[in-house]
């Protein structure tokens, strides 16, 4: 039994795989490109969807783990998550502020160079 059939047992197998038995299957990606130029190939969609399924699987596993924790542990994990999230957000804001400061310093240095060095060469 697949992961999805446990969640939605009323769905058919063709819906779970995303394959409709009435649609024709194209033999290769070159044949696909002939019929649908400029479109995303089925192989790249499989890679993207498998990455999303893997992420979704890990996320569900984390939620199940969190749901099985005792209430005090849930508060502790939630509090640590908030502290960790706040630290990451603070570090990101400091990084953005540093980048802006360096950019302003470079603009001021360039303007100073243009005014004093280029101005003295004209005289």
C-alpha atoms as a PDB file:
ATOM      1  CA  UNK A   1       0.000   0.000   0.000  1.00  0.00           C
ATOM      2  CA  UNK A   2       1.429   3.371  -0.956  1.00  0.00           C
ATOM      3  CA  UNK A   3       1.852   6.406   1.261  1.00  0.00           C
ATOM      4  CA  UNK A   4      -0.987   8.246  -0.472  1.00  0.00           C
ATOM      5  CA  UNK A   5      -3.487   5.405  -0.423  1.00  0.00           C
ATOM      6  CA  UNK A   6      -3.457   5.441   3.379  1.00  0.00           C
ATOM      7  CA  UNK A   7      -4.551   9.086   3.384  1.00  0.00           C
ATOM      8  CA  UNK A   8      -7.191   8.781   0.660  1.00  0.00           C
ATOM      9  CA  UNK A   9      -8.351   5.166   0.318  1.00  0.00           C
ATOM     10  CA  UNK A  10     -11.261   6.088  -2.010  1.00  0.00           C
ATOM     11  CA  UNK A  11      -8.963   7.193  -4.847  1.00  0.00           C
ATOM     12  CA  UNK A  12      -8.115   4.836  -7.664  1.00  0.00           C
ATOM     13  CA  UNK A  13      -4.610   3.688  -8.508  1.00  0.00           C
ATOM     14  CA  UNK A  14      -4.610   5.662 -11.786  1.00  0.00           C
ATOM     15  CA  UNK A  15      -5.271   8.896  -9.875  1.00  0.00           C
ATOM     16  CA  UNK A  16      -2.445   8.175  -7.411  1.00  0.00           C
ATOM     17  CA  UNK A  17       0.128   7.751 -10.156  1.00  0.00           C
ATOM     18  CA  UNK A  18      -1.223  10.670 -12.143  1.00  0.00           C
ATOM     19  CA  UNK A  19      -1.642   8.487 -15.257  1.00  0.00           C
ATOM     20  CA  UNK A  20      -4.965   8.478 -17.031  1.00  0.00           C
ATOM     21  CA  UNK A  21      -5.362   5.160 -18.878  1.00  0.00           C
ATOM     22  CA  UNK A  22      -7.324   6.819 -21.705  1.00  0.00           C
ATOM     23  CA  UNK A  23      -4.529   9.234 -22.717  1.00  0.00           C
ATOM     24  CA  UNK A  24      -1.879   8.070 -25.180  1.00  0.00           C
ATOM     25  CA  UNK A  25       1.639   7.765 -23.849  1.00  0.00           C
ATOM     26  CA  UNK A  26       4.411   9.415 -25.850  1.00  0.00           C
ATOM     27  CA  UNK A  27       7.343   7.096 -26.454  1.00  0.00           C
ATOM     28  CA  UNK A  28      10.278   9.416 -25.860  1.00  0.00           C
ATOM     29  CA  UNK A  29      11.133  12.919 -24.833  1.00  0.00           C
ATOM     30  CA  UNK A  30      12.008  13.811 -28.450  1.00  0.00           C
ATOM     31  CA  UNK A  31       8.488  12.759 -29.489  1.00  0.00           C
ATOM     32  CA  UNK A  32       7.126  14.863 -26.633  1.00  0.00           C
ATOM     33  CA  UNK A  33       9.120  17.885 -27.825  1.00  0.00           C
ATOM     34  CA  UNK A  34       7.765  17.402 -31.358  1.00  0.00           C
ATOM     35  CA  UNK A  35       4.190  17.582 -30.120  1.00  0.00           C
ATOM     36  CA  UNK A  36       4.745  20.214 -27.422  1.00  0.00           C
ATOM     37  CA  UNK A  37       7.638  22.536 -28.382  1.00  0.00           C
ATOM     38  CA  UNK A  38       8.897  24.869 -25.684  1.00  0.00           C
ATOM     39  CA  UNK A  39       7.230  22.918 -22.903  1.00  0.00           C
ATOM     40  CA  UNK A  40       8.834  21.269 -19.883  1.00  0.00           C
ATOM     41  CA  UNK A  41       9.822  17.670 -20.544  1.00  0.00           C
ATOM     42  CA  UNK A  42       8.252  14.837 -18.528  1.00  0.00           C
ATOM     43  CA  UNK A  43      11.681  13.832 -17.173  1.00  0.00           C
ATOM     44  CA  UNK A  44      12.225  17.229 -15.535  1.00  0.00           C
ATOM     45  CA  UNK A  45       8.718  17.102 -14.063  1.00  0.00           C
ATOM     46  CA  UNK A  46       9.479  13.709 -12.543  1.00  0.00           C
ATOM     47  CA  UNK A  47      12.610  15.129 -10.893  1.00  0.00           C
ATOM     48  CA  UNK A  48      10.748  18.136  -9.474  1.00  0.00           C
ATOM     49  CA  UNK A  49       7.786  16.105  -8.287  1.00  0.00           C
ATOM     50  CA  UNK A  50      10.049  13.500  -6.658  1.00  0.00           C
ATOM     51  CA  UNK A  51      11.909  16.255  -4.781  1.00  0.00           C
ATOM     52  CA  UNK A  52       8.599  17.709  -3.612  1.00  0.00           C
ATOM     53  CA  UNK A  53       7.355  14.269  -2.543  1.00  0.00           C
ATOM     54  CA  UNK A  54      10.570  13.685  -0.587  1.00  0.00           C
ATOM     55  CA  UNK A  55      10.212  17.056   1.150  1.00  0.00           C
ATOM     56  CA  UNK A  56       6.550  16.376   1.835  1.00  0.00           C
ATOM     57  CA  UNK A  57       7.441  12.984   3.273  1.00  0.00           C
ATOM     58  CA  UNK A  58      10.050  14.473   5.644  1.00  0.00           C
ATOM     59  CA  UNK A  59       7.657  17.250   6.678  1.00  0.00           C
ATOM     60  CA  UNK A  60       4.935  14.705   7.522  1.00  0.00           C
ATOM     61  CA  UNK A  61       7.452  12.635   9.457  1.00  0.00           C
ATOM     62  CA  UNK A  62       8.485  15.685  11.503  1.00  0.00           C
ATOM     63  CA  UNK A  63       4.846  16.579  12.191  1.00  0.00           C
ATOM     64  CA  UNK A  64       4.101  13.013  13.303  1.00  0.00           C
ATOM     65  CA  UNK A  65       7.151  13.091  15.607  1.00  0.00           C
ATOM     66  CA  UNK A  66       6.061  16.428  17.052  1.00  0.00           C
ATOM     67  CA  UNK A  67       2.491  15.192  17.508  1.00  0.00           C
ATOM     68  CA  UNK A  68       3.678  12.217  19.555  1.00  0.00           C
ATOM     69  CA  UNK A  69       5.635  14.364  22.013  1.00  0.00           C
ATOM     70  CA  UNK A  70       4.303  15.046  25.529  1.00  0.00           C
ATOM     71  CA  UNK A  71       2.814  18.522  26.003  1.00  0.00           C
ATOM     72  CA  UNK A  72       5.762  19.878  28.031  1.00  0.00           C
ATOM     73  CA  UNK A  73       8.209  18.685  25.417  1.00  0.00           C
ATOM     74  CA  UNK A  74       6.092  20.316  22.708  1.00  0.00           C
ATOM     75  CA  UNK A  75       6.417  23.644  24.513  1.00  0.00           C
ATOM     76  CA  UNK A  76      10.164  23.147  24.911  1.00  0.00           C
ATOM     77  CA  UNK A  77      10.650  22.239  21.242  1.00  0.00           C
ATOM     78  CA  UNK A  78       8.391  25.134  20.164  1.00  0.00           C
ATOM     79  CA  UNK A  79      10.308  27.576  22.361  1.00  0.00           C
ATOM     80  CA  UNK A  80      13.652  26.376  21.040  1.00  0.00           C
ATOM     81  CA  UNK A  81      12.286  26.626  17.504  1.00  0.00           C
ATOM     82  CA  UNK A  82      11.221  30.220  18.112  1.00  0.00           C
ATOM     83  CA  UNK A  83      14.617  31.115  19.580  1.00  0.00           C
ATOM     84  CA  UNK A  84      16.413  29.423  16.688  1.00  0.00           C
ATOM     85  CA  UNK A  85      14.138  31.099  14.133  1.00  0.00           C
ATOM     86  CA  UNK A  86      14.660  34.499  15.757  1.00  0.00           C
ATOM     87  CA  UNK A  87      18.449  34.011  15.703  1.00  0.00           C
ATOM     88  CA  UNK A  88      18.373  33.093  12.006  1.00  0.00           C
ATOM     89  CA  UNK A  89      16.149  36.083  11.161  1.00  0.00           C
ATOM     90  CA  UNK A  90      18.425  38.399  13.139  1.00  0.00           C
ATOM     91  CA  UNK A  91      21.518  37.057  11.371  1.00  0.00           C
ATOM     92  CA  UNK A  92      19.884  37.522   7.967  1.00  0.00           C
ATOM     93  CA  UNK A  93      18.901  41.111   8.795  1.00  0.00           C
ATOM     94  CA  UNK A  94      22.435  41.851   9.973  1.00  0.00           C
ATOM     95  CA  UNK A  95      23.787  40.413   6.725  1.00  0.00           C
ATOM     96  CA  UNK A  96      21.468  42.619   4.660  1.00  0.00           C
ATOM     97  CA  UNK A  97      22.422  45.668   6.741  1.00  0.00           C
ATOM     98  CA  UNK A  98      26.117  44.895   6.224  1.00  0.00           C
ATOM     99  CA  UNK A  99      25.660  44.569   2.470  1.00  0.00           C
ATOM    100  CA  UNK A 100      23.822  47.895   2.331  1.00  0.00           C
ATOM    101  CA  UNK A 101      26.534  49.569   4.438  1.00  0.00           C
ATOM    102  CA  UNK A 102      29.317  48.281   2.200  1.00  0.00           C
ATOM    103  CA  UNK A 103      27.426  49.418  -0.902  1.00  0.00           C
ATOM    104  CA  UNK A 104      26.988  52.936   0.543  1.00  0.00           C
ATOM    105  CA  UNK A 105      30.663  53.060   1.504  1.00  0.00           C
ATOM    106  CA  UNK A 106      31.658  52.087  -2.028  1.00  0.00           C
ATOM    107  CA  UNK A 107      29.391  54.785  -3.493  1.00  0.00           C
ATOM    108  CA  UNK A 108      30.912  57.414  -1.165  1.00  0.00           C
ATOM    109  CA  UNK A 109      34.444  56.298  -2.040  1.00  0.00           C
ATOM    110  CA  UNK A 110      33.644  56.484  -5.752  1.00  0.00           C
ATOM    111  CA  UNK A 111      32.136  59.960  -5.400  1.00  0.00           C
ATOM    112  CA  UNK A 112      35.138  61.128  -3.372  1.00  0.00           C
ATOM    113  CA  UNK A 113      37.472  59.761  -6.012  1.00  0.00           C
ATOM    114  CA  UNK A 114      35.548  61.506  -8.796  1.00  0.00           C
ATOM    115  CA  UNK A 115      35.504  64.827  -6.942  1.00  0.00           C
ATOM    116  CA  UNK A 116      39.073  65.007  -5.628  1.00  0.00           C
ATOM    117  CA  UNK A 117      41.193  62.881  -7.916  1.00  0.00           C
ATOM    118  CA  UNK A 118      39.429  63.580 -11.216  1.00  0.00           C
ATOM    119  CA  UNK A 119      39.009  67.251 -10.262  1.00  0.00           C
ATOM    120  CA  UNK A 120      42.712  67.715  -9.553  1.00  0.00           C
ATOM    121  CA  UNK A 121      43.664  66.141 -12.920  1.00  0.00           C
ATOM    122  CA  UNK A 122      41.596  68.739 -14.823  1.00  0.00           C
ATOM    123  CA  UNK A 123      43.469  71.659 -13.173  1.00  0.00           C
END
